[in-house]
Amino acid sequence: MVYQNQELLYGLLYKAVAQTLAELSQDTKYLGAQIGFFSLLHTWGQDLHYHPHIHTVVLAGGLTKNNQWRNSSKKFFIPVKVLAKKFRGKFLHHIF
């Protein structure tokens, strides 16, 4: 599906990643701040077969609504299971 619709679905990958990170980082349960990040698309896996996925570099904190810097947790920024569930929901929402 992705290979036949690369332009559309790569864009949706980026959109879902950005929305997921922005939404969860602003939640006071995790950080309560606006973060900075950049993402890169990889279209292959370690075995050099087609495997589109996104890598994202995220700052170790962000700005609160009062423009104060807030550091992220030393252990985890946002739990992986939370990120995965939110991303999956957003990506599927954009597809359908």
N, C-alpha and C. Protein backbone atom coordinates (compact mmCIF):
# COMPACT_ATOMS: atom_id res chain seq x y z
N MET A 1 0.83 -1.19 0.00
CA MET A 1 0.00 0.00 0.00
C MET A 1 0.87 1.25 0.00
N VAL A 2 1.87 1.29 0.86
CA VAL A 2 2.72 2.48 0.95
C VAL A 2 3.53 2.66 -0.33
N TYR A 3 4.07 1.57 -0.84
CA TYR A 3 4.92 1.65 -2.03
C TYR A 3 4.15 2.23 -3.21
N GLN A 4 2.88 1.92 -3.33
CA GLN A 4 2.06 2.40 -4.45
C GLN A 4 1.57 3.84 -4.24
N ASN A 5 1.64 4.35 -3.00
CA ASN A 5 1.13 5.69 -2.66
C ASN A 5 2.16 6.45 -1.82
N GLN A 6 3.41 6.43 -2.24
CA GLN A 6 4.50 6.95 -1.42
C GLN A 6 4.32 8.41 -1.03
N GLU A 7 4.03 9.28 -1.97
CA GLU A 7 3.94 10.71 -1.66
C GLU A 7 2.88 10.98 -0.60
N LEU A 8 1.72 10.41 -0.76
CA LEU A 8 0.63 10.61 0.19
C LEU A 8 0.96 10.02 1.56
N LEU A 9 1.39 8.76 1.59
CA LEU A 9 1.57 8.08 2.87
C LEU A 9 2.82 8.53 3.61
N TYR A 10 3.88 8.93 2.91
CA TYR A 10 5.03 9.50 3.61
C TYR A 10 4.62 10.80 4.30
N GLY A 11 3.82 11.59 3.61
CA GLY A 11 3.32 12.82 4.22
C GLY A 11 2.47 12.55 5.45
N LEU A 12 1.65 11.51 5.38
CA LEU A 12 0.82 11.15 6.53
C LEU A 12 1.66 10.64 7.69
N LEU A 13 2.76 9.93 7.39
CA LEU A 13 3.67 9.50 8.46
C LEU A 13 4.20 10.72 9.21
N TYR A 14 4.71 11.70 8.46
CA TYR A 14 5.24 12.91 9.08
C TYR A 14 4.17 13.65 9.89
N LYS A 15 2.98 13.76 9.31
CA LYS A 15 1.89 14.46 9.98
C LYS A 15 1.50 13.77 11.28
N ALA A 16 1.37 12.46 11.26
CA ALA A 16 0.99 11.71 12.45
C ALA A 16 2.06 11.81 13.53
N VAL A 17 3.33 11.76 13.15
CA VAL A 17 4.43 11.90 14.11
C VAL A 17 4.37 13.28 14.76
N ALA A 18 4.27 14.32 13.95
CA ALA A 18 4.25 15.70 14.49
C ALA A 18 3.07 15.92 15.41
N GLN A 19 1.89 15.48 15.02
CA GLN A 19 0.70 15.66 15.86
C GLN A 19 0.81 14.87 17.16
N THR A 20 1.33 13.67 17.08
CA THR A 20 1.49 12.83 18.27
C THR A 20 2.43 13.49 19.27
N LEU A 21 3.60 13.90 18.81
CA LEU A 21 4.57 14.51 19.72
C LEU A 21 4.07 15.84 20.28
N ALA A 22 3.48 16.67 19.44
CA ALA A 22 2.98 17.96 19.91
C ALA A 22 1.89 17.79 20.96
N GLU A 23 0.96 16.89 20.69
CA GLU A 23 -0.17 16.69 21.61
C GLU A 23 0.29 16.10 22.95
N LEU A 24 1.08 15.04 22.90
CA LEU A 24 1.50 14.39 24.14
C LEU A 24 2.46 15.25 24.95
N SER A 25 3.34 15.99 24.30
CA SER A 25 4.30 16.82 25.03
C SER A 25 3.61 17.97 25.76
N GLN A 26 2.50 18.45 25.23
CA GLN A 26 1.78 19.55 25.88
C GLN A 26 0.93 19.07 27.05
N ASP A 27 0.71 17.78 27.15
CA ASP A 27 -0.04 17.20 28.26
C ASP A 27 0.82 17.28 29.52
N THR A 28 0.28 17.87 30.58
CA THR A 28 1.04 18.03 31.83
C THR A 28 1.40 16.69 32.47
N LYS A 29 0.74 15.63 32.08
CA LYS A 29 1.07 14.30 32.59
C LYS A 29 2.48 13.89 32.14
N TYR A 30 2.93 14.41 31.00
CA TYR A 30 4.24 14.03 30.46
C TYR A 30 5.25 15.17 30.54
N LEU A 31 4.96 16.32 29.96
CA LEU A 31 5.90 17.43 29.99
C LEU A 31 5.22 18.77 30.24
N GLY A 32 4.09 18.99 29.62
CA GLY A 32 3.38 20.25 29.77
C GLY A 32 4.09 21.40 29.10
N ALA A 33 4.69 21.13 27.94
CA ALA A 33 5.44 22.17 27.25
C ALA A 33 5.44 21.90 25.74
N GLN A 34 5.75 22.95 24.99
CA GLN A 34 5.88 22.83 23.55
C GLN A 34 7.33 22.45 23.24
N ILE A 35 7.51 21.40 22.46
CA ILE A 35 8.85 20.89 22.20
C ILE A 35 9.33 21.27 20.80
N GLY A 36 10.60 21.07 20.59
CA GLY A 36 11.20 21.18 19.27
C GLY A 36 11.68 19.80 18.84
N PHE A 37 11.56 19.49 17.56
CA PHE A 37 12.01 18.20 17.05
C PHE A 37 12.17 18.27 15.54
N PHE A 38 12.91 17.32 15.00
CA PHE A 38 12.93 17.13 13.56
C PHE A 38 12.88 15.64 13.26
N SER A 39 12.34 15.32 12.09
CA SER A 39 12.14 13.93 11.72
C SER A 39 12.77 13.64 10.36
N LEU A 40 13.22 12.40 10.21
CA LEU A 40 13.82 11.94 8.96
C LEU A 40 13.13 10.66 8.51
N LEU A 41 12.89 10.56 7.23
CA LEU A 41 12.27 9.37 6.66
C LEU A 41 13.36 8.41 6.21
N HIS A 42 13.25 7.17 6.63
CA HIS A 42 14.07 6.08 6.10
C HIS A 42 13.14 5.15 5.35
N THR A 43 13.59 4.69 4.20
CA THR A 43 12.73 3.81 3.41
C THR A 43 13.27 2.39 3.32
N TRP A 44 14.28 2.09 4.11
CA TRP A 44 14.85 0.75 4.11
C TRP A 44 15.15 0.31 5.53
N GLY A 45 15.22 -0.99 5.72
CA GLY A 45 15.59 -1.54 7.02
C GLY A 45 17.05 -1.96 7.01
N GLN A 46 17.51 -2.60 8.06
CA GLN A 46 18.90 -3.03 8.16
C GLN A 46 19.27 -4.02 7.06
N ASP A 47 18.31 -4.80 6.63
CA ASP A 47 18.58 -5.78 5.57
C ASP A 47 18.43 -5.18 4.17
N LEU A 48 18.25 -3.86 4.09
CA LEU A 48 18.11 -3.09 2.85
C LEU A 48 16.86 -3.44 2.05
N HIS A 49 15.85 -3.98 2.72
CA HIS A 49 14.56 -4.18 2.09
C HIS A 49 13.67 -2.97 2.38
N TYR A 50 12.68 -2.77 1.54
CA TYR A 50 11.78 -1.63 1.69
C TYR A 50 11.06 -1.69 3.03
N HIS A 51 11.26 -0.68 3.84
CA HIS A 51 10.67 -0.61 5.18
C HIS A 51 10.59 0.86 5.60
N PRO A 52 9.57 1.59 5.11
CA PRO A 52 9.48 3.02 5.43
C PRO A 52 9.18 3.25 6.91
N HIS A 53 9.95 4.14 7.52
CA HIS A 53 9.75 4.50 8.92
C HIS A 53 10.40 5.86 9.18
N ILE A 54 10.03 6.46 10.29
CA ILE A 54 10.49 7.80 10.65
C ILE A 54 11.38 7.73 11.88
N HIS A 55 12.49 8.46 11.84
CA HIS A 55 13.33 8.66 13.02
C HIS A 55 13.14 10.12 13.43
N THR A 56 13.02 10.37 14.73
CA THR A 56 12.79 11.73 15.21
C THR A 56 13.76 12.06 16.34
N VAL A 57 14.34 13.24 16.27
CA VAL A 57 15.21 13.77 17.32
C VAL A 57 14.41 14.84 18.06
N VAL A 58 14.31 14.69 19.38
CA VAL A 58 13.48 15.57 20.20
C VAL A 58 14.36 16.26 21.25
N LEU A 59 14.12 17.55 21.46
CA LEU A 59 14.82 18.26 22.54
C LEU A 59 14.51 17.62 23.88
N ALA A 60 15.39 17.78 24.84
CA ALA A 60 15.21 17.20 26.18
C ALA A 60 14.40 18.13 27.07
N GLY A 61 13.36 18.71 26.51
CA GLY A 61 12.50 19.61 27.25
C GLY A 61 11.75 20.51 26.30
N GLY A 62 11.10 21.53 26.84
CA GLY A 62 10.35 22.46 26.01
C GLY A 62 9.92 23.68 26.78
N LEU A 63 9.20 24.57 26.09
CA LEU A 63 8.73 25.81 26.69
C LEU A 63 7.29 25.68 27.17
N THR A 64 7.05 26.10 28.40
CA THR A 64 5.70 26.11 28.94
C THR A 64 4.93 27.27 28.35
N LYS A 65 3.65 27.38 28.68
CA LYS A 65 2.84 28.50 28.20
C LYS A 65 3.37 29.84 28.69
N ASN A 66 4.13 29.84 29.80
CA ASN A 66 4.73 31.07 30.34
C ASN A 66 6.14 31.29 29.83
N ASN A 67 6.52 30.58 28.78
CA ASN A 67 7.86 30.66 28.18
C ASN A 67 8.97 30.32 29.15
N GLN A 68 8.70 29.38 30.04
CA GLN A 68 9.71 28.87 30.96
C GLN A 68 10.16 27.50 30.45
N TRP A 69 11.48 27.26 30.53
CA TRP A 69 12.00 25.97 30.09
C TRP A 69 11.67 24.88 31.11
N ARG A 70 11.19 23.75 30.62
CA ARG A 70 10.92 22.60 31.48
C ARG A 70 11.67 21.40 30.91
N ASN A 71 12.53 20.80 31.73
CA ASN A 71 13.28 19.62 31.32
C ASN A 71 12.37 18.40 31.30
N SER A 72 12.66 17.49 30.39
CA SER A 72 11.94 16.23 30.37
C SER A 72 12.52 15.30 31.43
N SER A 73 11.81 14.24 31.70
CA SER A 73 12.26 13.25 32.67
C SER A 73 13.58 12.63 32.21
N LYS A 74 14.43 12.30 33.13
CA LYS A 74 15.71 11.67 32.79
C LYS A 74 15.50 10.25 32.25
N LYS A 75 14.42 9.58 32.69
CA LYS A 75 14.18 8.20 32.26
C LYS A 75 13.54 8.14 30.88
N PHE A 76 12.34 8.71 30.76
CA PHE A 76 11.59 8.66 29.51
C PHE A 76 10.94 10.01 29.26
N PHE A 77 10.89 10.37 27.99
CA PHE A 77 10.17 11.58 27.61
C PHE A 77 8.67 11.29 27.68
N ILE A 78 8.24 10.32 26.91
CA ILE A 78 6.86 9.83 26.93
C ILE A 78 6.97 8.30 26.78
N PRO A 79 6.25 7.54 27.58
CA PRO A 79 6.35 6.08 27.47
C PRO A 79 6.08 5.58 26.05
N VAL A 80 6.86 4.62 25.61
CA VAL A 80 6.78 4.10 24.24
C VAL A 80 5.38 3.58 23.91
N LYS A 81 4.75 2.89 24.85
CA LYS A 81 3.41 2.35 24.57
C LYS A 81 2.39 3.47 24.35
N VAL A 82 2.54 4.56 25.07
CA VAL A 82 1.65 5.72 24.90
C VAL A 82 1.87 6.34 23.52
N LEU A 83 3.14 6.54 23.16
CA LEU A 83 3.47 7.10 21.84
C LEU A 83 2.93 6.21 20.72
N ALA A 84 3.15 4.91 20.84
CA ALA A 84 2.74 3.98 19.79
C ALA A 84 1.23 3.99 19.59
N LYS A 85 0.49 3.96 20.69
CA LYS A 85 -0.97 3.93 20.60
C LYS A 85 -1.52 5.22 19.98
N LYS A 86 -0.99 6.36 20.43
CA LYS A 86 -1.44 7.65 19.90
C LYS A 86 -1.09 7.78 18.42
N PHE A 87 0.16 7.41 18.05
CA PHE A 87 0.58 7.49 16.65
C PHE A 87 -0.29 6.60 15.77
N ARG A 88 -0.48 5.37 16.19
CA ARG A 88 -1.28 4.43 15.40
C ARG A 88 -2.68 4.98 15.15
N GLY A 89 -3.30 5.53 16.19
CA GLY A 89 -4.63 6.11 16.04
C GLY A 89 -4.65 7.27 15.07
N LYS A 90 -3.67 8.15 15.16
CA LYS A 90 -3.62 9.31 14.27
C LYS A 90 -3.35 8.89 12.82
N PHE A 91 -2.41 7.97 12.63
CA PHE A 91 -2.08 7.52 11.28
C PHE A 91 -3.29 6.86 10.63
N LEU A 92 -3.95 5.96 11.36
CA LEU A 92 -5.13 5.30 10.80
C LEU A 92 -6.26 6.29 10.54
N HIS A 93 -6.41 7.28 11.41
CA HIS A 93 -7.42 8.32 11.20
C HIS A 93 -7.18 9.05 9.88
N HIS A 94 -5.94 9.38 9.60
CA HIS A 94 -5.62 10.11 8.36
C HIS A 94 -5.79 9.23 7.12
N ILE A 95 -5.55 7.94 7.26
CA ILE A 95 -5.71 7.04 6.11
C ILE A 95 -7.19 6.87 5.76
N PHE A 96 -8.02 6.71 6.81
CA PHE A 96 -9.43 6.46 6.56
C PHE A 96 -10.20 7.73 6.72
